[in-house]
Amino acid sequence: MTAARILIPGLVVATLAALFAACLLGSTPMPAGRVLAALFGGADAADRLVVWQIRLPRALAAWLVGAALGVSGAALQGLLRNPLAEPGVLGVSASASLAATFTLYYGLAALSPWLLPIAAILGALAATALIALAAIRTRSVVTLILIGVGLSSFAGAAMSLLMNLAPNPFTLSDMINWMLGSVANRSFEDIGLAAPFLIAGAAILLFFRRGLSALTLGEEAASGIGLDLRRQRILTVLGAGLATGGAVALAGAIGFVGIVAPHIIRPFVKHDPARSLIPSALLAGLILVLADIGVRILPTTNELKLGVVAALIGAPAFVWIAMRRRTLNG
């Protein structure tokens, strides 16, 4: 059996094992027997509370966020035909975080639980649309990356301004959480609010993924075989924006996982963007679950933010990918 055929089943098994490990590990590790009993209703109330209200929702939130960023990164890389594209690098995550912190700053999030995820999604859609428009007007990889850096810098500066003007320390704390990224204290209710947008975005990307394979031939050739380029761009932007906005609404800004996972997956699927979407989502989700386990068990005075750990791992990987791409091209 080839590696490609066992790729998705292997990632599914690894994901289930990681989610189970996330229920086992924490500030106070629990034996596997107690976790299994809690999962299936046979444990005492305290164990069920820890597993069902604290550890399992947090692990599922990390996996969903990673999966959304992974599938969005793979789709954007296919659309832009650029292996350095992903929501974090292109400023999509930062723009979504800016929109979310805007609702926190003005207290709009307290009016309705739906306002924060909707704001995050609108911010992500706006940034993704700008990147897609730039991709139409220029074929330069450097230009796209520079636009993404500009978007990220502007969003970061705007969030810093809002933090400087924060009316009270509670609002400031909420804003910092969104900037640094975290799934701590997430509940099934939080997942439920973000899930419709995550599912809708991923479904759009998966349903129209065949167009991404056609784009590997070039835009003229893809158009010649019947691909509607305008519709493909719009749907990919919409799907990536919905998925990224949902991820930011659930966990804040988490970068680089959307570029690392597709890069690892690509050789196993013969560099086919359409075939890379599902395994990239699974791998990115797995990476974030493992990173969050590390966040919880590291012996630090204050718990590290998941976005910080993801950046510490992903940023060197991004530099390596960029250097390797330059070496191969020149």
C-alpha atoms as a PDB file:
ATOM      1  CA  MET A   1       0.000   0.000   0.000  1.00  0.00           C
ATOM      2  CA  THR A   2       1.445   3.376  -1.032  1.00  0.00           C
ATOM      3  CA  ALA A   3       1.960   6.294   1.335  1.00  0.00           C
ATOM      4  CA  ALA A   4      -0.713   8.311  -0.504  1.00  0.00           C
ATOM      5  CA  ARG A   5      -3.377   5.650   0.118  1.00  0.00           C
ATOM      6  CA  ILE A   6      -2.732   5.473   3.844  1.00  0.00           C
ATOM      7  CA  LEU A   7      -2.228   9.232   4.241  1.00  0.00           C
ATOM      8  CA  ILE A   8      -5.785  10.221   5.192  1.00  0.00           C
ATOM      9  CA  PRO A   9      -6.548   7.100   7.317  1.00  0.00           C
ATOM     10  CA  GLY A  10      -3.225   7.551   9.105  1.00  0.00           C
ATOM     11  CA  LEU A  11      -3.951  11.212   9.837  1.00  0.00           C
ATOM     12  CA  VAL A  12      -7.443  10.348  11.103  1.00  0.00           C
ATOM     13  CA  VAL A  13      -6.010   7.747  13.512  1.00  0.00           C
ATOM     14  CA  ALA A  14      -3.314  10.182  14.656  1.00  0.00           C
ATOM     15  CA  THR A  15      -5.939  12.880  15.209  1.00  0.00           C
ATOM     16  CA  LEU A  16      -8.115  10.610  17.342  1.00  0.00           C
ATOM     17  CA  ALA A  17      -5.051   9.586  19.365  1.00  0.00           C
ATOM     18  CA  ALA A  18      -4.076  13.243  19.864  1.00  0.00           C
ATOM     19  CA  LEU A  19      -7.596  14.199  20.974  1.00  0.00           C
ATOM     20  CA  PHE A  20      -7.579  11.322  23.465  1.00  0.00           C
ATOM     21  CA  ALA A  21      -4.128  12.392  24.701  1.00  0.00           C
ATOM     22  CA  ALA A  22      -5.464  15.928  25.143  1.00  0.00           C
ATOM     23  CA  CYS A  23      -8.112  14.521  27.496  1.00  0.00           C
ATOM     24  CA  LEU A  24      -5.433  12.608  29.415  1.00  0.00           C
ATOM     25  CA  LEU A  25      -2.892  15.380  29.861  1.00  0.00           C
ATOM     26  CA  GLY A  26      -3.109  18.661  31.703  1.00  0.00           C
ATOM     27  CA  SER A  27      -2.098  20.273  34.960  1.00  0.00           C
ATOM     28  CA  THR A  28      -3.248  17.034  36.610  1.00  0.00           C
ATOM     29  CA  PRO A  29      -2.873  13.986  34.320  1.00  0.00           C
ATOM     30  CA  MET A  30      -5.727  11.468  34.344  1.00  0.00           C
ATOM     31  CA  PRO A  31      -5.376   7.697  33.786  1.00  0.00           C
ATOM     32  CA  ALA A  32      -6.741   6.369  30.506  1.00  0.00           C
ATOM     33  CA  GLY A  33      -9.364   4.281  32.291  1.00  0.00           C
ATOM     34  CA  ARG A  34     -10.852   7.308  34.037  1.00  0.00           C
ATOM     35  CA  VAL A  35     -10.911   9.308  30.802  1.00  0.00           C
ATOM     36  CA  LEU A  36     -12.687   6.481  28.952  1.00  0.00           C
ATOM     37  CA  ALA A  37     -15.181   6.183  31.782  1.00  0.00           C
ATOM     38  CA  ALA A  38     -15.795   9.942  31.697  1.00  0.00           C
ATOM     39  CA  LEU A  39     -16.261   9.923  27.924  1.00  0.00           C
ATOM     40  CA  PHE A  40     -18.866   7.167  28.091  1.00  0.00           C
ATOM     41  CA  GLY A  41     -20.653   8.356  31.231  1.00  0.00           C
ATOM     42  CA  GLY A  42     -19.285   5.853  33.728  1.00  0.00           C
ATOM     43  CA  ALA A  43     -17.087   8.144  35.828  1.00  0.00           C
ATOM     44  CA  ASP A  44     -17.844  10.405  38.753  1.00  0.00           C
ATOM     45  CA  ALA A  45     -19.127  13.932  38.210  1.00  0.00           C
ATOM     46  CA  ALA A  46     -15.722  15.597  38.710  1.00  0.00           C
ATOM     47  CA  ASP A  47     -14.051  13.517  35.975  1.00  0.00           C
ATOM     48  CA  ARG A  48     -16.921  14.120  33.585  1.00  0.00           C
ATOM     49  CA  LEU A  49     -16.690  17.851  34.249  1.00  0.00           C
ATOM     50  CA  VAL A  50     -12.947  17.945  33.532  1.00  0.00           C
ATOM     51  CA  VAL A  51     -13.219  15.901  30.322  1.00  0.00           C
ATOM     52  CA  TRP A  52     -16.486  17.222  28.844  1.00  0.00           C
ATOM     53  CA  GLN A  53     -16.375  20.844  29.974  1.00  0.00           C
ATOM     54  CA  ILE A  54     -12.650  21.653  29.908  1.00  0.00           C
ATOM     55  CA  ARG A  55     -10.323  19.315  28.042  1.00  0.00           C
ATOM     56  CA  LEU A  56     -12.407  17.895  25.188  1.00  0.00           C
ATOM     57  CA  PRO A  57     -13.909  21.232  24.035  1.00  0.00           C
ATOM     58  CA  ARG A  58     -10.457  22.813  24.126  1.00  0.00           C
ATOM     59  CA  ALA A  59      -8.914  20.000  22.078  1.00  0.00           C
ATOM     60  CA  LEU A  60     -11.752  20.056  19.543  1.00  0.00           C
ATOM     61  CA  ALA A  61     -11.466  23.833  19.235  1.00  0.00           C
ATOM     62  CA  ALA A  62      -7.727  23.543  18.526  1.00  0.00           C
ATOM     63  CA  TRP A  63      -8.362  20.851  15.910  1.00  0.00           C
ATOM     64  CA  LEU A  64     -11.144  22.799  14.181  1.00  0.00           C
ATOM     65  CA  VAL A  65      -9.045  25.963  14.049  1.00  0.00           C
ATOM     66  CA  GLY A  66      -6.066  24.072  12.634  1.00  0.00           C
ATOM     67  CA  ALA A  67      -8.238  22.246  10.091  1.00  0.00           C
ATOM     68  CA  ALA A  68      -9.811  25.521   8.918  1.00  0.00           C
ATOM     69  CA  LEU A  69      -6.426  27.204   8.514  1.00  0.00           C
ATOM     70  CA  GLY A  70      -4.951  24.128   6.825  1.00  0.00           C
ATOM     71  CA  VAL A  71      -7.686  23.799   4.209  1.00  0.00           C
ATOM     72  CA  SER A  72      -7.685  27.579   3.637  1.00  0.00           C
ATOM     73  CA  GLY A  73      -3.912  27.645   3.208  1.00  0.00           C
ATOM     74  CA  ALA A  74      -3.958  24.753   0.743  1.00  0.00           C
ATOM     75  CA  ALA A  75      -6.776  26.384  -1.261  1.00  0.00           C
ATOM     76  CA  LEU A  76      -5.087  29.797  -1.379  1.00  0.00           C
ATOM     77  CA  GLN A  77      -1.821  28.206  -2.452  1.00  0.00           C
ATOM     78  CA  GLY A  78      -3.662  26.465  -5.275  1.00  0.00           C
ATOM     79  CA  LEU A  79      -5.553  29.600  -6.306  1.00  0.00           C
ATOM     80  CA  LEU A  80      -2.484  31.859  -6.280  1.00  0.00           C
ATOM     81  CA  ARG A  81      -0.131  29.067  -7.422  1.00  0.00           C
ATOM     82  CA  ASN A  82       2.189  30.163  -4.645  1.00  0.00           C
ATOM     83  CA  PRO A  83       3.390  27.781  -1.884  1.00  0.00           C
ATOM     84  CA  LEU A  84       4.012  30.744   0.436  1.00  0.00           C
ATOM     85  CA  ALA A  85       0.339  31.761   0.508  1.00  0.00           C
ATOM     86  CA  GLU A  86      -1.752  31.170   3.653  1.00  0.00           C
ATOM     87  CA  PRO A  87      -4.177  33.222   5.761  1.00  0.00           C
ATOM     88  CA  GLY A  88      -1.585  34.328   8.326  1.00  0.00           C
ATOM     89  CA  VAL A  89       1.165  35.308   5.910  1.00  0.00           C
ATOM     90  CA  LEU A  90      -1.232  37.162   3.614  1.00  0.00           C
ATOM     91  CA  GLY A  91      -2.727  39.217   6.433  1.00  0.00           C
ATOM     92  CA  VAL A  92      -6.123  37.500   6.426  1.00  0.00           C
ATOM     93  CA  SER A  93      -5.894  36.289  10.035  1.00  0.00           C
ATOM     94  CA  ALA A  94      -4.678  39.671  11.254  1.00  0.00           C
ATOM     95  CA  SER A  95      -7.500  41.463   9.440  1.00  0.00           C
ATOM     96  CA  ALA A  96     -10.046  39.083  10.950  1.00  0.00           C
ATOM     97  CA  SER A  97      -8.523  39.662  14.401  1.00  0.00           C
ATOM     98  CA  LEU A  98      -8.711  43.424  13.897  1.00  0.00           C
ATOM     99  CA  ALA A  99     -12.414  43.216  13.098  1.00  0.00           C
ATOM    100  CA  ALA A 100     -12.981  40.981  16.145  1.00  0.00           C
ATOM    101  CA  THR A 101     -11.067  43.284  18.511  1.00  0.00           C
ATOM    102  CA  PHE A 102     -13.030  46.231  17.102  1.00  0.00           C
ATOM    103  CA  THR A 103     -16.245  44.628  18.354  1.00  0.00           C
ATOM    104  CA  LEU A 104     -14.597  43.995  21.737  1.00  0.00           C
ATOM    105  CA  TYR A 105     -13.330  47.563  22.023  1.00  0.00           C
ATOM    106  CA  TYR A 106     -16.744  49.097  21.423  1.00  0.00           C
ATOM    107  CA  GLY A 107     -18.586  46.473  23.465  1.00  0.00           C
ATOM    108  CA  LEU A 108     -20.529  45.242  20.436  1.00  0.00           C
ATOM    109  CA  ALA A 109     -19.704  41.603  21.238  1.00  0.00           C
ATOM    110  CA  ALA A 110     -21.849  41.888  24.368  1.00  0.00           C
ATOM    111  CA  LEU A 111     -24.937  42.758  22.316  1.00  0.00           C
ATOM    112  CA  SER A 112     -25.052  39.389  20.548  1.00  0.00           C
ATOM    113  CA  PRO A 113     -22.778  36.320  20.575  1.00  0.00           C
ATOM    114  CA  TRP A 114     -22.977  36.281  16.762  1.00  0.00           C
ATOM    115  CA  LEU A 115     -21.462  39.739  16.248  1.00  0.00           C
ATOM    116  CA  LEU A 116     -17.876  38.728  17.010  1.00  0.00           C
ATOM    117  CA  PRO A 117     -17.706  35.764  14.595  1.00  0.00           C
ATOM    118  CA  ILE A 118     -19.521  37.749  11.901  1.00  0.00           C
ATOM    119  CA  ALA A 119     -17.083  40.655  12.315  1.00  0.00           C
ATOM    120  CA  ALA A 120     -14.098  38.277  12.134  1.00  0.00           C
ATOM    121  CA  ILE A 121     -15.466  36.702   8.960  1.00  0.00           C
ATOM    122  CA  LEU A 122     -16.095  40.083   7.314  1.00  0.00           C
ATOM    123  CA  GLY A 123     -12.520  41.111   8.120  1.00  0.00           C
ATOM    124  CA  ALA A 124     -11.173  37.856   6.666  1.00  0.00           C
ATOM    125  CA  LEU A 125     -13.318  38.167   3.527  1.00  0.00           C
ATOM    126  CA  ALA A 126     -12.166  41.741   2.925  1.00  0.00           C
ATOM    127  CA  ALA A 127      -8.481  40.813   3.209  1.00  0.00           C
ATOM    128  CA  THR A 128      -8.850  37.656   1.111  1.00  0.00           C
ATOM    129  CA  ALA A 129     -10.705  39.576  -1.612  1.00  0.00           C
ATOM    130  CA  LEU A 130      -7.905  42.155  -1.718  1.00  0.00           C
ATOM    131  CA  ILE A 131      -5.297  39.401  -2.073  1.00  0.00           C
ATOM    132  CA  ALA A 132      -7.307  37.709  -4.822  1.00  0.00           C
ATOM    133  CA  LEU A 133      -7.658  41.024  -6.664  1.00  0.00           C
ATOM    134  CA  ALA A 134      -3.908  41.581  -6.379  1.00  0.00           C
ATOM    135  CA  ALA A 135      -3.289  38.065  -7.694  1.00  0.00           C
ATOM    136  CA  ILE A 136      -5.379  38.910 -10.775  1.00  0.00           C
ATOM    137  CA  ARG A 137      -3.441  42.124 -11.437  1.00  0.00           C
ATOM    138  CA  THR A 138       0.058  40.804 -10.772  1.00  0.00           C
ATOM    139  CA  ARG A 139       1.815  37.471 -11.082  1.00  0.00           C
ATOM    140  CA  SER A 140       4.686  38.482  -8.812  1.00  0.00           C
ATOM    141  CA  VAL A 141       5.058  36.335  -5.711  1.00  0.00           C
ATOM    142  CA  VAL A 142       7.057  39.087  -4.032  1.00  0.00           C
ATOM    143  CA  THR A 143       4.266  41.600  -4.624  1.00  0.00           C
ATOM    144  CA  LEU A 144       1.652  39.329  -3.063  1.00  0.00           C
ATOM    145  CA  ILE A 145       3.821  38.659  -0.014  1.00  0.00           C
ATOM    146  CA  LEU A 146       4.508  42.389   0.365  1.00  0.00           C
ATOM    147  CA  ILE A 147       0.781  43.138   0.209  1.00  0.00           C
ATOM    148  CA  GLY A 148       0.213  40.488   2.882  1.00  0.00           C
ATOM    149  CA  VAL A 149       2.960  41.974   5.058  1.00  0.00           C
ATOM    150  CA  GLY A 150       1.390  45.399   4.587  1.00  0.00           C
ATOM    151  CA  LEU A 151      -2.046  44.097   5.598  1.00  0.00           C
ATOM    152  CA  SER A 152      -0.623  42.356   8.660  1.00  0.00           C
ATOM    153  CA  SER A 153       1.367  45.448   9.662  1.00  0.00           C
ATOM    154  CA  PHE A 154      -1.624  47.743   9.285  1.00  0.00           C
ATOM    155  CA  ALA A 155      -3.925  45.388  11.201  1.00  0.00           C
ATOM    156  CA  GLY A 156      -1.288  44.997  13.921  1.00  0.00           C
ATOM    157  CA  ALA A 157      -0.844  48.760  14.209  1.00  0.00           C
ATOM    158  CA  ALA A 158      -4.606  49.309  14.372  1.00  0.00           C
ATOM    159  CA  MET A 159      -4.949  46.655  17.090  1.00  0.00           C
ATOM    160  CA  SER A 160      -2.094  48.272  19.031  1.00  0.00           C
ATOM    161  CA  LEU A 161      -3.915  51.589  18.793  1.00  0.00           C
ATOM    162  CA  LEU A 162      -7.111  50.014  20.131  1.00  0.00           C
ATOM    163  CA  MET A 163      -5.116  48.463  22.973  1.00  0.00           C
ATOM    164  CA  ASN A 164      -3.606  51.849  23.837  1.00  0.00           C
ATOM    165  CA  LEU A 165      -7.090  53.316  23.982  1.00  0.00           C
ATOM    166  CA  ALA A 166      -8.712  50.374  25.802  1.00  0.00           C
ATOM    167  CA  PRO A 167     -11.234  51.765  28.304  1.00  0.00           C
ATOM    168  CA  ASN A 168     -10.551  49.165  31.026  1.00  0.00           C
ATOM    169  CA  PRO A 169      -8.182  46.258  31.799  1.00  0.00           C
ATOM    170  CA  PHE A 170     -10.866  43.654  31.081  1.00  0.00           C
ATOM    171  CA  THR A 171     -11.328  44.861  27.508  1.00  0.00           C
ATOM    172  CA  LEU A 172      -7.539  45.018  27.129  1.00  0.00           C
ATOM    173  CA  SER A 173      -7.202  41.427  28.314  1.00  0.00           C
ATOM    174  CA  ASP A 174      -9.816  40.209  25.823  1.00  0.00           C
ATOM    175  CA  MET A 175      -8.079  42.036  22.996  1.00  0.00           C
ATOM    176  CA  ILE A 176      -4.690  40.575  23.890  1.00  0.00           C
ATOM    177  CA  ASN A 177      -6.194  37.085  23.860  1.00  0.00           C
ATOM    178  CA  TRP A 178      -7.427  37.605  20.303  1.00  0.00           C
ATOM    179  CA  MET A 179      -4.076  39.018  19.178  1.00  0.00           C
ATOM    180  CA  LEU A 180      -2.017  36.155  20.632  1.00  0.00           C
ATOM    181  CA  GLY A 181      -4.430  33.304  19.901  1.00  0.00           C
ATOM    182  CA  SER A 182      -5.698  30.782  22.432  1.00  0.00           C
ATOM    183  CA  VAL A 183      -8.266  28.017  22.859  1.00  0.00           C
ATOM    184  CA  ALA A 184      -8.164  28.102  26.653  1.00  0.00           C
ATOM    185  CA  ASN A 185     -11.592  28.064  28.311  1.00  0.00           C
ATOM    186  CA  ARG A 186     -13.392  27.360  25.046  1.00  0.00           C
ATOM    187  CA  SER A 187     -16.723  25.566  25.418  1.00  0.00           C
ATOM    188  CA  PHE A 188     -19.025  23.603  23.140  1.00  0.00           C
ATOM    189  CA  GLU A 189     -21.137  26.764  22.921  1.00  0.00           C
ATOM    190  CA  ASP A 190     -18.153  28.693  21.502  1.00  0.00           C
ATOM    191  CA  ILE A 191     -17.558  25.892  19.018  1.00  0.00           C
ATOM    192  CA  GLY A 192     -21.224  25.945  18.075  1.00  0.00           C
ATOM    193  CA  LEU A 193     -21.070  29.656  17.231  1.00  0.00           C
ATOM    194  CA  ALA A 194     -18.046  29.275  14.952  1.00  0.00           C
ATOM    195  CA  ALA A 195     -18.929  25.867  13.487  1.00  0.00           C
ATOM    196  CA  PRO A 196     -21.463  27.058  10.855  1.00  0.00           C
ATOM    197  CA  PHE A 197     -18.869  29.372   9.316  1.00  0.00           C
ATOM    198  CA  LEU A 198     -16.063  26.805   9.544  1.00  0.00           C
ATOM    199  CA  ILE A 199     -18.223  24.115   7.939  1.00  0.00           C
ATOM    200  CA  ALA A 200     -19.593  26.419   5.230  1.00  0.00           C
ATOM    201  CA  GLY A 201     -16.117  27.669   4.282  1.00  0.00           C
ATOM    202  CA  ALA A 202     -14.579  24.201   4.200  1.00  0.00           C
ATOM    203  CA  ALA A 203     -17.547  22.826   2.233  1.00  0.00           C
ATOM    204  CA  ILE A 204     -17.207  25.519  -0.449  1.00  0.00           C
ATOM    205  CA  LEU A 205     -13.480  24.864  -0.808  1.00  0.00           C
ATOM    206  CA  LEU A 206     -13.931  21.095  -1.007  1.00  0.00           C
ATOM    207  CA  PHE A 207     -16.900  21.200  -3.380  1.00  0.00           C
ATOM    208  CA  PHE A 208     -15.073  23.415  -5.888  1.00  0.00           C
ATOM    209  CA  ARG A 209     -11.587  21.990  -5.363  1.00  0.00           C
ATOM    210  CA  ARG A 210     -11.292  20.514  -8.890  1.00  0.00           C
ATOM    211  CA  GLY A 211     -10.817  23.983 -10.304  1.00  0.00           C
ATOM    212  CA  LEU A 212      -7.624  24.319  -8.279  1.00  0.00           C
ATOM    213  CA  SER A 213      -6.175  21.307 -10.108  1.00  0.00           C
ATOM    214  CA  ALA A 214      -7.015  22.925 -13.441  1.00  0.00           C
ATOM    215  CA  LEU A 215      -5.178  26.109 -12.388  1.00  0.00           C
ATOM    216  CA  THR A 216      -1.904  24.194 -12.166  1.00  0.00           C
ATOM    217  CA  LEU A 217      -1.951  24.197 -15.982  1.00  0.00           C
ATOM    218  CA  GLY A 218      -2.031  28.006 -16.016  1.00  0.00           C
ATOM    219  CA  GLU A 219      -4.986  30.370 -16.261  1.00  0.00           C
ATOM    220  CA  GLU A 220      -5.202  30.307 -20.059  1.00  0.00           C
ATOM    221  CA  ALA A 221      -5.109  26.522 -20.255  1.00  0.00           C
ATOM    222  CA  ALA A 222      -7.590  26.196 -17.362  1.00  0.00           C
ATOM    223  CA  SER A 223      -9.968  28.608 -19.084  1.00  0.00           C
ATOM    224  CA  GLY A 224      -9.516  26.674 -22.310  1.00  0.00           C
ATOM    225  CA  ILE A 225     -10.742  23.442 -20.734  1.00  0.00           C
ATOM    226  CA  GLY A 226     -13.850  25.148 -19.421  1.00  0.00           C
ATOM    227  CA  LEU A 227     -12.939  26.538 -15.972  1.00  0.00           C
ATOM    228  CA  ASP A 228     -14.754  29.728 -15.021  1.00  0.00           C
ATOM    229  CA  LEU A 229     -11.808  31.625 -13.544  1.00  0.00           C
ATOM    230  CA  ARG A 230     -13.889  34.423 -12.054  1.00  0.00           C
ATOM    231  CA  ARG A 231     -16.235  32.006 -10.285  1.00  0.00           C
ATOM    232  CA  GLN A 232     -13.299  29.918  -9.037  1.00  0.00           C
ATOM    233  CA  ARG A 233     -11.584  32.963  -7.545  1.00  0.00           C
ATOM    234  CA  ILE A 234     -14.771  34.237  -5.899  1.00  0.00           C
ATOM    235  CA  LEU A 235     -15.674  30.855  -4.406  1.00  0.00           C
ATOM    236  CA  THR A 236     -12.145  30.171  -3.167  1.00  0.00           C
ATOM    237  CA  VAL A 237     -11.964  33.636  -1.587  1.00  0.00           C
ATOM    238  CA  LEU A 238     -15.401  33.147  -0.018  1.00  0.00           C
ATOM    239  CA  GLY A 239     -14.555  29.680   1.337  1.00  0.00           C
ATOM    240  CA  ALA A 240     -11.163  30.718   2.711  1.00  0.00           C
ATOM    241  CA  GLY A 241     -12.632  33.875   4.234  1.00  0.00           C
ATOM    242  CA  LEU A 242     -15.456  32.020   5.973  1.00  0.00           C
ATOM    243  CA  ALA A 243     -13.144  29.295   7.306  1.00  0.00           C
ATOM    244  CA  THR A 244     -10.445  31.724   8.444  1.00  0.00           C
ATOM    245  CA  GLY A 245     -12.955  34.103  10.001  1.00  0.00           C
ATOM    246  CA  GLY A 246     -14.556  31.234  11.907  1.00  0.00           C
ATOM    247  CA  ALA A 247     -11.129  30.108  13.108  1.00  0.00           C
ATOM    248  CA  VAL A 248     -10.235  33.599  14.318  1.00  0.00           C
ATOM    249  CA  ALA A 249     -13.612  33.949  16.018  1.00  0.00           C
ATOM    250  CA  LEU A 250     -12.893  30.743  17.917  1.00  0.00           C
ATOM    251  CA  ALA A 251      -9.210  31.143  18.771  1.00  0.00           C
ATOM    252  CA  GLY A 252      -7.891  34.522  17.651  1.00  0.00           C
ATOM    253  CA  ALA A 253      -4.906  34.985  15.356  1.00  0.00           C
ATOM    254  CA  ILE A 254      -2.845  31.822  14.809  1.00  0.00           C
ATOM    255  CA  GLY A 255      -0.358  31.934  11.975  1.00  0.00           C
ATOM    256  CA  PHE A 256       1.891  29.715   9.862  1.00  0.00           C
ATOM    257  CA  VAL A 257       0.104  26.384  10.425  1.00  0.00           C
ATOM    258  CA  GLY A 258      -1.734  26.996   7.151  1.00  0.00           C
ATOM    259  CA  ILE A 259       1.523  27.096   5.214  1.00  0.00           C
ATOM    260  CA  VAL A 260       3.437  24.318   6.975  1.00  0.00           C
ATOM    261  CA  ALA A 261       0.773  21.600   6.716  1.00  0.00           C
ATOM    262  CA  PRO A 262       0.116  21.920   2.948  1.00  0.00           C
ATOM    263  CA  HIS A 263       3.864  22.034   2.299  1.00  0.00           C
ATOM    264  CA  ILE A 264       4.344  18.728   4.139  1.00  0.00           C
ATOM    265  CA  ILE A 265       1.357  17.135   2.394  1.00  0.00           C
ATOM    266  CA  ARG A 266       2.066  18.278  -1.166  1.00  0.00           C
ATOM    267  CA  PRO A 267       4.665  15.620  -2.121  1.00  0.00           C
ATOM    268  CA  PHE A 268       2.308  12.824  -1.002  1.00  0.00           C
ATOM    269  CA  VAL A 269      -0.449  13.977  -3.391  1.00  0.00           C
ATOM    270  CA  LYS A 270       1.807  14.680  -6.396  1.00  0.00           C
ATOM    271  CA  HIS A 271       1.491  18.436  -5.846  1.00  0.00           C
ATOM    272  CA  ASP A 272      -2.214  18.382  -6.732  1.00  0.00           C
ATOM    273  CA  PRO A 273      -3.946  21.265  -4.855  1.00  0.00           C
ATOM    274  CA  ALA A 274      -7.347  19.560  -4.953  1.00  0.00           C
ATOM    275  CA  ARG A 275      -6.053  16.354  -3.366  1.00  0.00           C
ATOM    276  CA  SER A 276      -4.116  18.298  -0.720  1.00  0.00           C
ATOM    277  CA  LEU A 277      -7.116  20.018   0.911  1.00  0.00           C
ATOM    278  CA  ILE A 278      -8.393  17.207   3.163  1.00  0.00           C
ATOM    279  CA  PRO A 279      -4.993  15.877   4.341  1.00  0.00           C
ATOM    280  CA  SER A 280      -3.765  19.457   4.908  1.00  0.00           C
ATOM    281  CA  ALA A 281      -6.795  20.125   7.115  1.00  0.00           C
ATOM    282  CA  LEU A 282      -6.202  16.913   9.079  1.00  0.00           C
ATOM    283  CA  LEU A 283      -2.480  17.565   9.543  1.00  0.00           C
ATOM    284  CA  ALA A 284      -2.920  21.219  10.519  1.00  0.00           C
ATOM    285  CA  GLY A 285      -5.576  20.250  13.061  1.00  0.00           C
ATOM    286  CA  LEU A 286      -3.270  17.562  14.448  1.00  0.00           C
ATOM    287  CA  ILE A 287      -0.396  20.043  14.725  1.00  0.00           C
ATOM    288  CA  LEU A 288      -2.491  22.521  16.713  1.00  0.00           C
ATOM    289  CA  VAL A 289      -3.843  19.831  19.062  1.00  0.00           C
ATOM    290  CA  LEU A 290      -0.280  18.685  19.797  1.00  0.00           C
ATOM    291  CA  ALA A 291       0.875  22.298  20.211  1.00  0.00           C
ATOM    292  CA  ASP A 292      -1.960  22.977  22.666  1.00  0.00           C
ATOM    293  CA  ILE A 293      -1.042  19.856  24.648  1.00  0.00           C
ATOM    294  CA  GLY A 294       2.485  21.262  24.870  1.00  0.00           C
ATOM    295  CA  VAL A 295       1.113  24.624  26.009  1.00  0.00           C
ATOM    296  CA  ARG A 296      -0.781  22.941  28.846  1.00  0.00           C
ATOM    297  CA  ILE A 297       2.008  20.698  30.132  1.00  0.00           C
ATOM    298  CA  LEU A 298       4.942  23.119  29.861  1.00  0.00           C
ATOM    299  CA  PRO A 299       6.109  24.067  33.379  1.00  0.00           C
ATOM    300  CA  THR A 300       5.642  27.827  32.980  1.00  0.00           C
ATOM    301  CA  THR A 301       4.267  30.279  35.533  1.00  0.00           C
ATOM    302  CA  ASN A 302       1.758  31.653  33.040  1.00  0.00           C
ATOM    303  CA  GLU A 303       0.314  29.469  30.313  1.00  0.00           C
ATOM    304  CA  LEU A 304       1.730  30.316  26.901  1.00  0.00           C
ATOM    305  CA  LYS A 305      -0.676  31.375  24.161  1.00  0.00           C
ATOM    306  CA  LEU A 306      -1.277  28.869  21.381  1.00  0.00           C
ATOM    307  CA  GLY A 307      -0.658  31.491  18.698  1.00  0.00           C
ATOM    308  CA  VAL A 308       2.756  32.255  20.194  1.00  0.00           C
ATOM    309  CA  VAL A 309       3.784  28.584  20.178  1.00  0.00           C
ATOM    310  CA  ALA A 310       2.447  28.125  16.624  1.00  0.00           C
ATOM    311  CA  ALA A 311       4.506  31.115  15.463  1.00  0.00           C
ATOM    312  CA  LEU A 312       7.654  29.851  17.212  1.00  0.00           C
ATOM    313  CA  ILE A 313       7.291  26.560  15.338  1.00  0.00           C
ATOM    314  CA  GLY A 314       5.890  27.880  12.070  1.00  0.00           C
ATOM    315  CA  ALA A 315       8.024  30.972  11.449  1.00  0.00           C
ATOM    316  CA  PRO A 316      11.329  29.030  11.093  1.00  0.00           C
ATOM    317  CA  ALA A 317       9.485  26.546   8.851  1.00  0.00           C
ATOM    318  CA  PHE A 318       8.230  29.454   6.717  1.00  0.00           C
ATOM    319  CA  VAL A 319      11.774  30.820   6.358  1.00  0.00           C
ATOM    320  CA  TRP A 320      13.031  27.356   5.364  1.00  0.00           C
ATOM    321  CA  ILE A 321      10.261  26.950   2.765  1.00  0.00           C
ATOM    322  CA  ALA A 322      10.994  30.406   1.321  1.00  0.00           C
ATOM    323  CA  MET A 323      14.755  29.712   1.147  1.00  0.00           C
ATOM    324  CA  ARG A 324      14.186  26.287  -0.406  1.00  0.00           C
ATOM    325  CA  ARG A 325      11.838  27.778  -3.009  1.00  0.00           C
ATOM    326  CA  ARG A 326      14.447  30.375  -3.935  1.00  0.00           C
ATOM    327  CA  THR A 327      17.133  27.691  -4.215  1.00  0.00           C
ATOM    328  CA  LEU A 328      14.951  25.538  -6.473  1.00  0.00           C
ATOM    329  CA  ASN A 329      14.051  28.518  -8.660  1.00  0.00           C
ATOM    330  CA  GLY A 330      17.522  29.820  -9.034  1.00  0.00           C
END
